[in-house]
């Protein structure tokens, strides 16, 4: 059975410590996507990343690399998880299957990200050079999902990736914000499933 590794984004410590809230790997559309992948004979692995309120690249890298990653592995990252995958792929010598970055965040220095996060922490997580040939480390390419009404820093992050890497497929959406349930109006994400299974989402020009 093929597998897909799903990587969540930033979560505040307040949300993490709230017993009424799900863990990051069980948040937003991740459970629905995991179920659909399983039904299509792709084994889903939704990783619980250490301290998502204070992301540390080496810790996240160590957690990802606990799993056997090969050219049959799909990698999906949302927000910080997307930026993390760009970092990891730029440095790794492994070849993976397909990569989908959902509203990736690249730690732009112009943003005061959150009051609980220092610039030094952001710099550590995103202190790397994007590999221009990053797509060559995949069997089936890299796709970015981005909504036109997302935060300007996400739009700038997508621009940064596209300017520094070749042959990235960018899929533009309307009115999905940062791809959270409240903005999407559902926890279903069929476009993501279709991209993983068939690569059917066509590239659109903004």
N, C-alpha and C. Protein backbone atom coordinates (compact mmCIF):
# COMPACT_ATOMS: atom_id res chain seq x y z
N UNK A 1 0.84 -1.20 0.00
CA UNK A 1 0.00 0.00 0.00
C UNK A 1 0.88 1.25 0.00
N UNK A 2 0.57 2.20 -0.90
CA UNK A 2 1.27 3.47 -0.90
C UNK A 2 0.92 4.25 0.37
N UNK A 3 1.71 5.27 0.65
CA UNK A 3 1.42 6.05 1.85
C UNK A 3 1.50 7.54 1.56
N UNK A 4 0.81 8.30 2.40
CA UNK A 4 0.83 9.76 2.34
C UNK A 4 1.10 10.29 3.73
N UNK A 5 2.04 11.18 3.84
CA UNK A 5 2.38 11.80 5.12
C UNK A 5 1.83 13.22 5.13
N UNK A 6 1.00 13.51 6.13
CA UNK A 6 0.33 14.80 6.25
C UNK A 6 0.94 15.59 7.39
N UNK A 7 1.30 16.84 7.13
CA UNK A 7 1.98 17.66 8.13
C UNK A 7 1.19 18.94 8.37
N UNK A 8 0.77 19.12 9.61
CA UNK A 8 -0.02 20.28 10.00
C UNK A 8 0.86 21.53 10.10
N UNK A 9 0.24 22.63 10.42
CA UNK A 9 0.97 23.88 10.56
C UNK A 9 1.09 24.33 12.01
N UNK A 10 1.27 25.63 12.16
CA UNK A 10 1.41 26.25 13.48
C UNK A 10 0.11 26.13 14.27
N UNK A 11 0.24 25.86 15.57
CA UNK A 11 -0.89 25.89 16.49
C UNK A 11 -0.42 26.58 17.77
N UNK A 12 -1.23 27.49 18.29
CA UNK A 12 -0.84 28.19 19.50
C UNK A 12 -0.84 27.24 20.70
N UNK A 13 -0.09 27.60 21.72
CA UNK A 13 -0.03 26.77 22.91
C UNK A 13 -1.38 26.73 23.62
N UNK A 14 -2.13 27.82 23.53
CA UNK A 14 -3.45 27.88 24.15
C UNK A 14 -4.38 26.83 23.52
N UNK A 15 -4.33 26.71 22.20
CA UNK A 15 -5.15 25.72 21.50
C UNK A 15 -4.69 24.31 21.86
N UNK A 16 -3.39 24.10 21.88
CA UNK A 16 -2.83 22.78 22.21
C UNK A 16 -3.25 22.34 23.60
N UNK A 17 -3.27 23.27 24.54
CA UNK A 17 -3.57 22.93 25.95
C UNK A 17 -5.07 22.90 26.25
N UNK A 18 -5.90 23.21 25.27
CA UNK A 18 -7.34 23.18 25.47
C UNK A 18 -7.84 21.74 25.30
N UNK A 19 -8.33 21.11 26.37
CA UNK A 19 -8.76 19.70 26.26
C UNK A 19 -9.95 19.50 25.32
N UNK A 20 -10.65 20.56 25.00
CA UNK A 20 -11.78 20.44 24.09
C UNK A 20 -11.37 20.48 22.62
N UNK A 21 -10.11 20.84 22.35
CA UNK A 21 -9.63 20.96 20.98
C UNK A 21 -8.91 19.67 20.56
N UNK A 22 -9.03 19.29 19.29
CA UNK A 22 -8.29 18.11 18.82
C UNK A 22 -6.80 18.41 18.70
N UNK A 23 -6.01 17.37 18.64
CA UNK A 23 -4.58 17.55 18.40
C UNK A 23 -4.39 18.08 16.98
N UNK A 24 -3.25 18.71 16.68
CA UNK A 24 -3.05 19.28 15.35
C UNK A 24 -3.23 18.27 14.21
N UNK A 25 -2.81 17.03 14.41
CA UNK A 25 -2.93 16.04 13.35
C UNK A 25 -4.37 15.59 13.13
N UNK A 26 -5.27 15.97 14.04
CA UNK A 26 -6.68 15.64 13.92
C UNK A 26 -7.54 16.88 13.71
N UNK A 27 -6.90 17.96 13.28
CA UNK A 27 -7.57 19.25 13.15
C UNK A 27 -7.93 19.53 11.70
N UNK A 28 -8.87 20.45 11.51
CA UNK A 28 -9.28 20.92 10.18
C UNK A 28 -9.68 19.75 9.29
N UNK A 29 -9.17 19.70 8.06
CA UNK A 29 -9.56 18.68 7.09
C UNK A 29 -8.70 17.42 7.13
N UNK A 30 -7.74 17.37 8.03
CA UNK A 30 -6.82 16.22 8.06
C UNK A 30 -7.52 14.89 8.31
N UNK A 31 -8.49 14.79 9.25
CA UNK A 31 -9.16 13.50 9.43
C UNK A 31 -9.93 13.05 8.20
N UNK A 32 -10.64 13.98 7.55
CA UNK A 32 -11.41 13.61 6.35
C UNK A 32 -10.47 13.14 5.23
N UNK A 33 -9.39 13.87 5.03
CA UNK A 33 -8.43 13.50 3.99
C UNK A 33 -7.81 12.14 4.30
N UNK A 34 -7.47 11.90 5.56
CA UNK A 34 -6.89 10.61 5.94
C UNK A 34 -7.84 9.47 5.60
N UNK A 35 -9.13 9.65 5.90
CA UNK A 35 -10.12 8.61 5.62
C UNK A 35 -10.24 8.34 4.12
N UNK A 36 -10.27 9.40 3.33
CA UNK A 36 -10.40 9.23 1.88
C UNK A 36 -9.18 8.54 1.29
N UNK A 37 -8.01 8.88 1.79
CA UNK A 37 -6.79 8.22 1.32
C UNK A 37 -6.83 6.73 1.64
N UNK A 38 -7.24 6.41 2.85
CA UNK A 38 -7.31 5.01 3.26
C UNK A 38 -8.29 4.23 2.37
N UNK A 39 -9.41 4.86 2.06
CA UNK A 39 -10.40 4.20 1.20
C UNK A 39 -9.87 3.98 -0.22
N UNK A 40 -8.88 4.76 -0.60
CA UNK A 40 -8.27 4.63 -1.92
C UNK A 40 -6.92 3.90 -1.85
N UNK A 41 -6.76 3.12 -0.79
CA UNK A 41 -5.59 2.25 -0.63
C UNK A 41 -4.28 3.02 -0.57
N UNK A 42 -4.34 4.20 0.03
CA UNK A 42 -3.13 4.97 0.37
C UNK A 42 -3.10 5.12 1.88
N UNK A 43 -2.08 4.59 2.52
CA UNK A 43 -2.01 4.59 3.97
C UNK A 43 -1.67 5.99 4.47
N UNK A 44 -2.56 6.62 5.26
CA UNK A 44 -2.32 7.99 5.72
C UNK A 44 -1.54 8.02 7.04
N UNK A 45 -0.58 8.91 7.10
CA UNK A 45 0.18 9.13 8.33
C UNK A 45 0.12 10.62 8.63
N UNK A 46 -0.70 11.01 9.59
CA UNK A 46 -0.79 12.41 10.00
C UNK A 46 0.13 12.61 11.20
N UNK A 47 1.23 13.29 10.98
CA UNK A 47 2.26 13.41 12.00
C UNK A 47 1.87 14.45 13.05
N UNK A 48 2.16 14.15 14.30
CA UNK A 48 2.01 15.11 15.40
C UNK A 48 3.37 15.74 15.62
N UNK A 49 3.57 16.95 15.11
CA UNK A 49 4.87 17.59 15.21
C UNK A 49 5.11 18.18 16.60
N UNK A 50 6.37 18.12 17.08
CA UNK A 50 6.69 18.64 18.41
C UNK A 50 6.49 20.16 18.50
N UNK A 51 5.92 20.60 19.61
CA UNK A 51 5.79 22.02 19.92
C UNK A 51 5.39 22.87 18.72
N UNK A 52 4.21 22.66 18.17
CA UNK A 52 3.79 23.42 16.99
C UNK A 52 3.61 24.91 17.26
N UNK A 53 3.60 25.32 18.52
CA UNK A 53 3.54 26.75 18.86
C UNK A 53 4.93 27.38 18.78
N UNK A 54 5.97 26.56 18.69
CA UNK A 54 7.35 27.02 18.66
C UNK A 54 8.13 26.11 17.72
N UNK A 55 7.83 26.14 16.42
CA UNK A 55 8.40 25.16 15.50
C UNK A 55 9.92 25.19 15.45
N UNK A 56 10.50 24.01 15.52
CA UNK A 56 11.95 23.84 15.46
C UNK A 56 12.25 22.88 14.30
N UNK A 57 13.03 23.35 13.34
CA UNK A 57 13.23 22.55 12.13
C UNK A 57 13.86 21.20 12.43
N UNK A 58 14.90 21.16 13.24
CA UNK A 58 15.57 19.89 13.51
C UNK A 58 14.64 18.89 14.18
N UNK A 59 13.78 19.37 15.07
CA UNK A 59 12.81 18.48 15.73
C UNK A 59 11.79 17.95 14.75
N UNK A 60 11.29 18.82 13.89
CA UNK A 60 10.31 18.39 12.89
C UNK A 60 10.94 17.42 11.88
N UNK A 61 12.18 17.71 11.48
CA UNK A 61 12.90 16.84 10.54
C UNK A 61 13.08 15.45 11.14
N UNK A 62 13.47 15.40 12.39
CA UNK A 62 13.67 14.11 13.07
C UNK A 62 12.37 13.31 13.12
N UNK A 63 11.27 14.01 13.34
CA UNK A 63 9.98 13.33 13.40
C UNK A 63 9.58 12.79 12.03
N UNK A 64 9.75 13.58 10.99
CA UNK A 64 9.42 13.13 9.64
C UNK A 64 10.25 11.92 9.24
N UNK A 65 11.53 11.96 9.55
CA UNK A 65 12.44 10.92 9.08
C UNK A 65 12.36 9.63 9.89
N UNK A 66 11.45 9.58 10.86
CA UNK A 66 11.17 8.30 11.52
C UNK A 66 10.48 7.34 10.57
N UNK A 67 9.89 7.89 9.51
CA UNK A 67 9.11 7.09 8.57
C UNK A 67 9.93 6.76 7.33
N UNK A 68 9.61 5.65 6.72
CA UNK A 68 10.29 5.21 5.50
C UNK A 68 9.74 6.00 4.33
N UNK A 69 10.55 6.89 3.78
CA UNK A 69 10.11 7.77 2.70
C UNK A 69 10.80 7.36 1.41
N UNK A 70 9.99 7.12 0.36
CA UNK A 70 10.55 6.73 -0.92
C UNK A 70 9.74 7.37 -2.04
N UNK A 71 9.98 6.94 -3.28
CA UNK A 71 9.31 7.59 -4.41
C UNK A 71 7.85 7.18 -4.58
N UNK A 72 7.35 6.41 -3.62
CA UNK A 72 5.93 6.12 -3.58
C UNK A 72 5.20 6.88 -2.49
N UNK A 73 5.93 7.78 -1.83
CA UNK A 73 5.38 8.53 -0.70
C UNK A 73 4.87 9.90 -1.15
N UNK A 74 3.62 10.19 -0.80
CA UNK A 74 3.05 11.52 -1.02
C UNK A 74 3.26 12.35 0.24
N UNK A 75 3.70 13.58 0.08
CA UNK A 75 3.89 14.49 1.20
C UNK A 75 2.94 15.67 1.05
N UNK A 76 2.19 15.96 2.11
CA UNK A 76 1.27 17.09 2.12
C UNK A 76 1.58 17.96 3.33
N UNK A 77 1.76 19.25 3.12
CA UNK A 77 2.03 20.16 4.22
C UNK A 77 1.14 21.38 4.15
N UNK A 78 0.57 21.77 5.29
CA UNK A 78 -0.29 22.95 5.35
C UNK A 78 0.43 24.07 6.09
N UNK A 79 0.47 25.25 5.50
CA UNK A 79 1.01 26.44 6.14
C UNK A 79 2.47 26.23 6.55
N UNK A 80 2.78 26.25 7.86
CA UNK A 80 4.14 25.98 8.32
C UNK A 80 4.61 24.61 7.85
N UNK A 81 3.67 23.66 7.78
CA UNK A 81 4.03 22.33 7.29
C UNK A 81 4.49 22.36 5.85
N UNK A 82 3.90 23.25 5.05
CA UNK A 82 4.33 23.40 3.67
C UNK A 82 5.72 24.01 3.57
N UNK A 83 5.96 25.06 4.35
CA UNK A 83 7.29 25.66 4.37
C UNK A 83 8.34 24.69 4.86
N UNK A 84 7.98 23.89 5.86
CA UNK A 84 8.90 22.87 6.35
C UNK A 84 9.28 21.88 5.25
N UNK A 85 8.30 21.47 4.44
CA UNK A 85 8.59 20.51 3.37
C UNK A 85 9.51 21.11 2.31
N UNK A 86 9.33 22.40 2.00
CA UNK A 86 10.24 23.05 1.05
C UNK A 86 11.67 23.02 1.59
N UNK A 87 11.82 23.29 2.89
CA UNK A 87 13.13 23.24 3.54
C UNK A 87 13.70 21.83 3.46
N UNK A 88 12.91 20.85 3.88
CA UNK A 88 13.39 19.46 3.93
C UNK A 88 13.75 18.94 2.55
N UNK A 89 12.90 19.22 1.57
CA UNK A 89 13.16 18.75 0.21
C UNK A 89 14.39 19.43 -0.40
N UNK A 90 14.63 20.67 -0.02
CA UNK A 90 15.79 21.39 -0.56
C UNK A 90 17.09 20.78 -0.07
N UNK A 91 17.06 20.10 1.07
CA UNK A 91 18.28 19.57 1.66
C UNK A 91 18.44 18.05 1.51
N UNK A 92 17.34 17.35 1.36
CA UNK A 92 17.41 15.89 1.36
C UNK A 92 17.99 15.35 0.06
N UNK A 93 18.49 14.13 0.12
CA UNK A 93 18.94 13.42 -1.07
C UNK A 93 17.92 12.36 -1.49
N UNK A 94 16.84 12.23 -0.71
CA UNK A 94 15.80 11.25 -1.02
C UNK A 94 14.96 11.71 -2.21
N UNK A 95 14.34 10.75 -2.87
CA UNK A 95 13.36 11.07 -3.90
C UNK A 95 12.00 10.60 -3.42
N UNK A 96 11.02 11.50 -3.49
CA UNK A 96 9.68 11.20 -3.00
C UNK A 96 8.72 11.08 -4.18
N UNK A 97 7.44 10.76 -3.88
CA UNK A 97 6.45 10.62 -4.93
C UNK A 97 5.93 11.94 -5.41
N UNK A 98 4.92 12.46 -4.71
CA UNK A 98 4.30 13.74 -5.05
C UNK A 98 4.28 14.61 -3.81
N UNK A 99 4.34 15.92 -4.00
CA UNK A 99 4.31 16.87 -2.89
C UNK A 99 3.22 17.89 -3.15
N UNK A 100 2.39 18.14 -2.14
CA UNK A 100 1.36 19.18 -2.25
C UNK A 100 1.52 20.13 -1.07
N UNK A 101 1.70 21.39 -1.37
CA UNK A 101 1.87 22.44 -0.37
C UNK A 101 0.58 23.25 -0.32
N UNK A 102 -0.12 23.19 0.78
CA UNK A 102 -1.38 23.90 0.93
C UNK A 102 -1.12 25.20 1.69
N UNK A 103 -1.26 26.33 1.00
CA UNK A 103 -1.02 27.64 1.60
C UNK A 103 0.29 27.67 2.37
N UNK A 104 1.42 27.34 1.71
CA UNK A 104 2.69 27.25 2.43
C UNK A 104 3.15 28.61 2.95
N UNK A 105 3.71 28.58 4.15
CA UNK A 105 4.27 29.79 4.76
C UNK A 105 5.78 29.66 4.81
N UNK A 106 6.49 30.68 4.34
CA UNK A 106 7.94 30.61 4.21
C UNK A 106 8.68 31.54 5.17
N UNK A 107 8.02 31.99 6.22
CA UNK A 107 8.72 32.76 7.24
C UNK A 107 9.25 34.09 6.76
N UNK A 108 8.43 34.84 6.04
CA UNK A 108 8.88 36.11 5.49
C UNK A 108 9.29 37.06 6.61
N UNK A 109 10.46 37.68 6.51
CA UNK A 109 10.96 38.53 7.58
C UNK A 109 10.16 39.78 7.81
N UNK A 110 9.34 40.17 6.82
CA UNK A 110 8.56 41.40 6.97
C UNK A 110 7.38 41.24 7.92
N UNK A 111 7.06 39.97 8.25
CA UNK A 111 5.88 39.73 9.08
C UNK A 111 6.24 39.55 10.54
N UNK A 112 5.50 40.22 11.42
CA UNK A 112 5.55 39.88 12.84
C UNK A 112 4.56 38.74 13.02
N UNK A 113 5.04 37.53 13.04
CA UNK A 113 4.18 36.35 12.86
C UNK A 113 3.16 36.25 13.97
N UNK A 114 3.60 36.13 15.18
CA UNK A 114 2.71 36.06 16.33
C UNK A 114 3.49 36.59 17.53
N UNK A 115 2.79 37.15 18.47
CA UNK A 115 3.46 37.78 19.60
C UNK A 115 4.28 36.77 20.40
N UNK A 116 3.88 35.50 20.35
CA UNK A 116 4.58 34.47 21.12
C UNK A 116 5.79 33.91 20.39
N UNK A 117 6.04 34.40 19.16
CA UNK A 117 7.10 33.84 18.35
C UNK A 117 8.14 34.89 18.05
N UNK A 118 9.38 34.62 18.37
CA UNK A 118 10.44 35.60 18.16
C UNK A 118 10.98 35.48 16.74
N UNK A 119 11.57 36.58 16.22
CA UNK A 119 12.18 36.51 14.88
C UNK A 119 13.24 35.44 14.77
N UNK A 120 13.98 35.18 15.88
CA UNK A 120 15.02 34.17 15.85
C UNK A 120 14.44 32.78 15.57
N UNK A 121 13.28 32.49 16.14
CA UNK A 121 12.66 31.20 15.92
C UNK A 121 12.23 31.05 14.47
N UNK A 122 11.66 32.11 13.92
CA UNK A 122 11.25 32.09 12.52
C UNK A 122 12.48 31.89 11.63
N UNK A 123 13.56 32.61 11.91
CA UNK A 123 14.77 32.52 11.10
C UNK A 123 15.33 31.11 11.13
N UNK A 124 15.34 30.47 12.28
CA UNK A 124 15.90 29.11 12.39
C UNK A 124 15.11 28.14 11.53
N UNK A 125 13.80 28.25 11.53
CA UNK A 125 12.95 27.32 10.80
C UNK A 125 13.09 27.49 9.30
N UNK A 126 13.37 28.72 8.87
CA UNK A 126 13.40 29.01 7.44
C UNK A 126 14.78 29.47 6.96
N UNK A 127 15.82 29.11 7.69
CA UNK A 127 17.18 29.49 7.33
C UNK A 127 17.75 28.47 6.35
N UNK A 128 17.40 28.62 5.07
CA UNK A 128 17.88 27.68 4.06
C UNK A 128 17.73 28.32 2.68
N UNK A 129 18.37 27.69 1.71
CA UNK A 129 18.27 28.12 0.31
C UNK A 129 17.36 27.15 -0.43
N UNK A 130 16.33 27.68 -1.08
CA UNK A 130 15.45 26.82 -1.86
C UNK A 130 16.21 26.22 -3.04
N UNK A 131 16.11 24.91 -3.18
CA UNK A 131 16.74 24.21 -4.30
C UNK A 131 15.92 24.47 -5.56
N UNK A 132 16.55 25.12 -6.54
CA UNK A 132 15.82 25.45 -7.77
C UNK A 132 15.30 24.21 -8.48
N UNK A 133 16.01 23.11 -8.34
CA UNK A 133 15.62 21.86 -9.00
C UNK A 133 14.88 20.93 -8.04
N UNK A 134 14.18 21.48 -7.09
CA UNK A 134 13.50 20.69 -6.06
C UNK A 134 12.52 19.69 -6.66
N UNK A 135 11.90 20.03 -7.79
CA UNK A 135 10.92 19.13 -8.41
C UNK A 135 11.59 17.83 -8.86
N UNK A 136 12.87 17.88 -9.17
CA UNK A 136 13.58 16.68 -9.60
C UNK A 136 13.72 15.65 -8.48
N UNK A 137 13.45 16.08 -7.26
CA UNK A 137 13.48 15.16 -6.12
C UNK A 137 12.14 14.47 -5.92
N UNK A 138 11.23 14.66 -6.86
CA UNK A 138 9.92 14.01 -6.80
C UNK A 138 9.70 13.19 -8.06
N UNK A 139 8.86 12.19 -7.94
CA UNK A 139 8.49 11.37 -9.10
C UNK A 139 7.35 11.99 -9.88
N UNK A 140 6.43 12.64 -9.15
CA UNK A 140 5.20 13.15 -9.78
C UNK A 140 4.96 14.63 -9.55
N UNK A 141 6.00 15.38 -9.21
CA UNK A 141 5.90 16.81 -9.16
C UNK A 141 5.45 17.42 -7.84
N UNK A 142 5.43 18.74 -7.83
CA UNK A 142 5.03 19.53 -6.66
C UNK A 142 3.89 20.45 -7.07
N UNK A 143 2.84 20.48 -6.28
CA UNK A 143 1.71 21.38 -6.51
C UNK A 143 1.51 22.27 -5.30
N UNK A 144 1.24 23.53 -5.54
CA UNK A 144 0.88 24.47 -4.47
C UNK A 144 -0.59 24.80 -4.61
N UNK A 145 -1.34 24.70 -3.52
CA UNK A 145 -2.72 25.17 -3.44
C UNK A 145 -2.72 26.50 -2.70
N UNK A 146 -3.29 27.52 -3.31
CA UNK A 146 -3.32 28.83 -2.66
C UNK A 146 -4.62 29.52 -3.04
N UNK A 147 -5.21 30.24 -2.08
CA UNK A 147 -6.44 30.99 -2.32
C UNK A 147 -6.11 32.47 -2.44
N UNK A 148 -6.78 33.15 -3.37
CA UNK A 148 -6.50 34.55 -3.64
C UNK A 148 -6.79 35.45 -2.45
N UNK A 149 -7.66 34.98 -1.52
CA UNK A 149 -8.01 35.81 -0.37
C UNK A 149 -7.25 35.42 0.89
N UNK A 150 -6.16 34.68 0.74
CA UNK A 150 -5.35 34.32 1.91
C UNK A 150 -4.55 35.55 2.37
N UNK A 151 -3.89 35.39 3.51
CA UNK A 151 -3.04 36.44 4.06
C UNK A 151 -1.97 36.86 3.04
N UNK A 152 -1.67 38.15 2.93
CA UNK A 152 -0.65 38.60 1.97
C UNK A 152 0.69 37.89 2.13
N UNK A 153 1.03 37.51 3.36
CA UNK A 153 2.32 36.84 3.55
C UNK A 153 2.32 35.43 2.97
N UNK A 154 1.15 34.80 2.91
CA UNK A 154 1.07 33.51 2.24
C UNK A 154 1.22 33.69 0.73
N UNK A 155 0.57 34.72 0.20
CA UNK A 155 0.70 34.99 -1.22
C UNK A 155 2.16 35.32 -1.58
N UNK A 156 2.84 36.05 -0.72
CA UNK A 156 4.25 36.36 -0.94
C UNK A 156 5.11 35.10 -0.81
N UNK A 157 4.72 34.20 0.10
CA UNK A 157 5.45 32.94 0.26
C UNK A 157 5.36 32.10 -1.00
N UNK A 158 4.16 32.03 -1.57
CA UNK A 158 3.98 31.27 -2.81
C UNK A 158 4.82 31.89 -3.94
N UNK A 159 4.81 33.20 -4.00
CA UNK A 159 5.63 33.89 -5.00
C UNK A 159 7.11 33.57 -4.81
N UNK A 160 7.55 33.55 -3.56
CA UNK A 160 8.95 33.25 -3.25
C UNK A 160 9.34 31.86 -3.74
N UNK A 161 8.48 30.88 -3.48
CA UNK A 161 8.77 29.52 -3.93
C UNK A 161 8.83 29.46 -5.45
N UNK A 162 7.85 30.07 -6.11
CA UNK A 162 7.81 30.02 -7.57
C UNK A 162 8.98 30.74 -8.22
N UNK A 163 9.45 31.79 -7.58
CA UNK A 163 10.58 32.53 -8.15
C UNK A 163 11.90 31.80 -7.96
N UNK A 164 11.96 30.90 -6.99
CA UNK A 164 13.23 30.25 -6.66
C UNK A 164 13.26 28.76 -6.96
N UNK A 165 12.18 28.23 -7.52
CA UNK A 165 12.14 26.82 -7.90
C UNK A 165 11.43 26.70 -9.25
N UNK A 166 11.90 25.78 -10.06
CA UNK A 166 11.34 25.61 -11.40
C UNK A 166 10.26 24.53 -11.43
N UNK A 167 9.31 24.73 -12.35
CA UNK A 167 8.32 23.69 -12.67
C UNK A 167 7.36 23.35 -11.53
N UNK A 168 7.06 24.34 -10.69
CA UNK A 168 6.06 24.15 -9.64
C UNK A 168 4.67 24.38 -10.23
N UNK A 169 3.76 23.48 -9.98
CA UNK A 169 2.36 23.65 -10.41
C UNK A 169 1.63 24.44 -9.32
N UNK A 170 1.07 25.58 -9.69
CA UNK A 170 0.35 26.41 -8.72
C UNK A 170 -1.13 26.44 -9.07
N UNK A 171 -1.95 26.04 -8.11
CA UNK A 171 -3.40 25.97 -8.31
C UNK A 171 -4.05 27.07 -7.47
N UNK A 172 -4.72 28.00 -8.13
CA UNK A 172 -5.35 29.13 -7.44
C UNK A 172 -6.82 28.84 -7.17
N UNK A 173 -7.26 29.20 -5.98
CA UNK A 173 -8.66 29.05 -5.57
C UNK A 173 -9.23 30.42 -5.22
N UNK A 174 -10.55 30.50 -5.17
CA UNK A 174 -11.25 31.70 -4.71
C UNK A 174 -11.93 31.41 -3.37
N UNK A 175 -11.84 32.34 -2.44
CA UNK A 175 -12.64 32.31 -1.21
C UNK A 175 -12.41 31.08 -0.32
N UNK A 176 -11.19 30.57 -0.28
CA UNK A 176 -10.88 29.48 0.66
C UNK A 176 -9.94 29.94 1.77
N UNK A 177 -9.56 31.22 1.75
CA UNK A 177 -8.74 31.76 2.82
C UNK A 177 -7.47 30.96 3.02
N UNK A 178 -7.23 30.60 4.28
CA UNK A 178 -6.04 29.83 4.63
C UNK A 178 -6.36 28.33 4.71
N UNK A 179 -7.42 27.92 4.03
CA UNK A 179 -7.84 26.52 3.98
C UNK A 179 -8.13 25.98 5.38
N UNK A 180 -8.89 26.77 6.14
CA UNK A 180 -9.42 26.31 7.41
C UNK A 180 -10.91 26.03 7.23
N UNK A 181 -11.47 25.21 8.12
CA UNK A 181 -12.87 24.81 7.99
C UNK A 181 -13.80 26.02 7.94
N UNK A 182 -13.58 27.01 8.81
CA UNK A 182 -14.46 28.18 8.84
C UNK A 182 -14.44 28.93 7.51
N UNK A 183 -13.30 28.94 6.86
CA UNK A 183 -13.18 29.66 5.59
C UNK A 183 -13.68 28.82 4.41
N UNK A 184 -13.44 27.53 4.49
CA UNK A 184 -13.85 26.63 3.41
C UNK A 184 -15.33 26.26 3.52
N UNK A 185 -15.87 26.34 4.74
CA UNK A 185 -17.26 25.97 4.96
C UNK A 185 -17.49 24.48 5.06
N UNK A 186 -16.43 23.70 5.15
CA UNK A 186 -16.52 22.25 5.22
C UNK A 186 -15.18 21.68 5.65
N UNK A 187 -15.20 20.44 6.14
CA UNK A 187 -13.94 19.76 6.42
C UNK A 187 -13.55 18.83 5.27
N UNK A 188 -14.36 18.84 4.20
CA UNK A 188 -14.06 18.03 3.02
C UNK A 188 -13.10 18.79 2.11
N UNK A 189 -12.16 18.07 1.52
CA UNK A 189 -11.17 18.70 0.67
C UNK A 189 -10.95 17.82 -0.56
N UNK A 190 -12.00 17.68 -1.41
CA UNK A 190 -11.91 16.77 -2.55
C UNK A 190 -10.85 17.18 -3.57
N UNK A 191 -10.57 18.48 -3.67
CA UNK A 191 -9.54 18.92 -4.63
C UNK A 191 -8.18 18.33 -4.27
N UNK A 192 -7.90 18.25 -2.98
CA UNK A 192 -6.63 17.68 -2.53
C UNK A 192 -6.57 16.19 -2.85
N UNK A 193 -7.66 15.49 -2.59
CA UNK A 193 -7.71 14.05 -2.88
C UNK A 193 -7.53 13.82 -4.38
N UNK A 194 -8.21 14.60 -5.21
CA UNK A 194 -8.10 14.44 -6.66
C UNK A 194 -6.68 14.72 -7.15
N UNK A 195 -6.03 15.71 -6.54
CA UNK A 195 -4.65 16.00 -6.94
C UNK A 195 -3.74 14.84 -6.56
N UNK A 196 -3.93 14.27 -5.38
CA UNK A 196 -3.11 13.14 -4.94
C UNK A 196 -3.34 11.93 -5.84
N UNK A 197 -4.59 11.63 -6.12
CA UNK A 197 -4.92 10.40 -6.85
C UNK A 197 -4.70 10.53 -8.35
N UNK A 198 -5.08 11.68 -8.92
CA UNK A 198 -5.14 11.77 -10.37
C UNK A 198 -4.38 12.97 -10.97
N UNK A 199 -3.98 13.93 -10.13
CA UNK A 199 -3.36 15.13 -10.65
C UNK A 199 -4.30 15.91 -11.55
N UNK A 200 -5.61 15.90 -11.20
CA UNK A 200 -6.63 16.45 -12.09
C UNK A 200 -6.86 17.96 -11.93
N UNK A 201 -6.42 18.52 -10.80
CA UNK A 201 -6.66 19.96 -10.61
C UNK A 201 -5.77 20.72 -11.59
N UNK A 202 -6.38 21.46 -12.50
CA UNK A 202 -5.60 22.16 -13.51
C UNK A 202 -4.99 23.43 -12.94
N UNK A 203 -3.84 23.77 -13.47
CA UNK A 203 -3.19 25.01 -13.06
C UNK A 203 -3.99 26.20 -13.58
N UNK A 204 -4.14 27.20 -12.72
CA UNK A 204 -4.88 28.41 -13.11
C UNK A 204 -3.97 29.63 -12.96
N UNK A 205 -4.17 30.60 -13.77
CA UNK A 205 -3.39 31.83 -13.69
C UNK A 205 -4.17 32.88 -12.92
N UNK A 206 -3.49 33.51 -11.98
CA UNK A 206 -4.16 34.53 -11.16
C UNK A 206 -4.32 35.81 -11.98
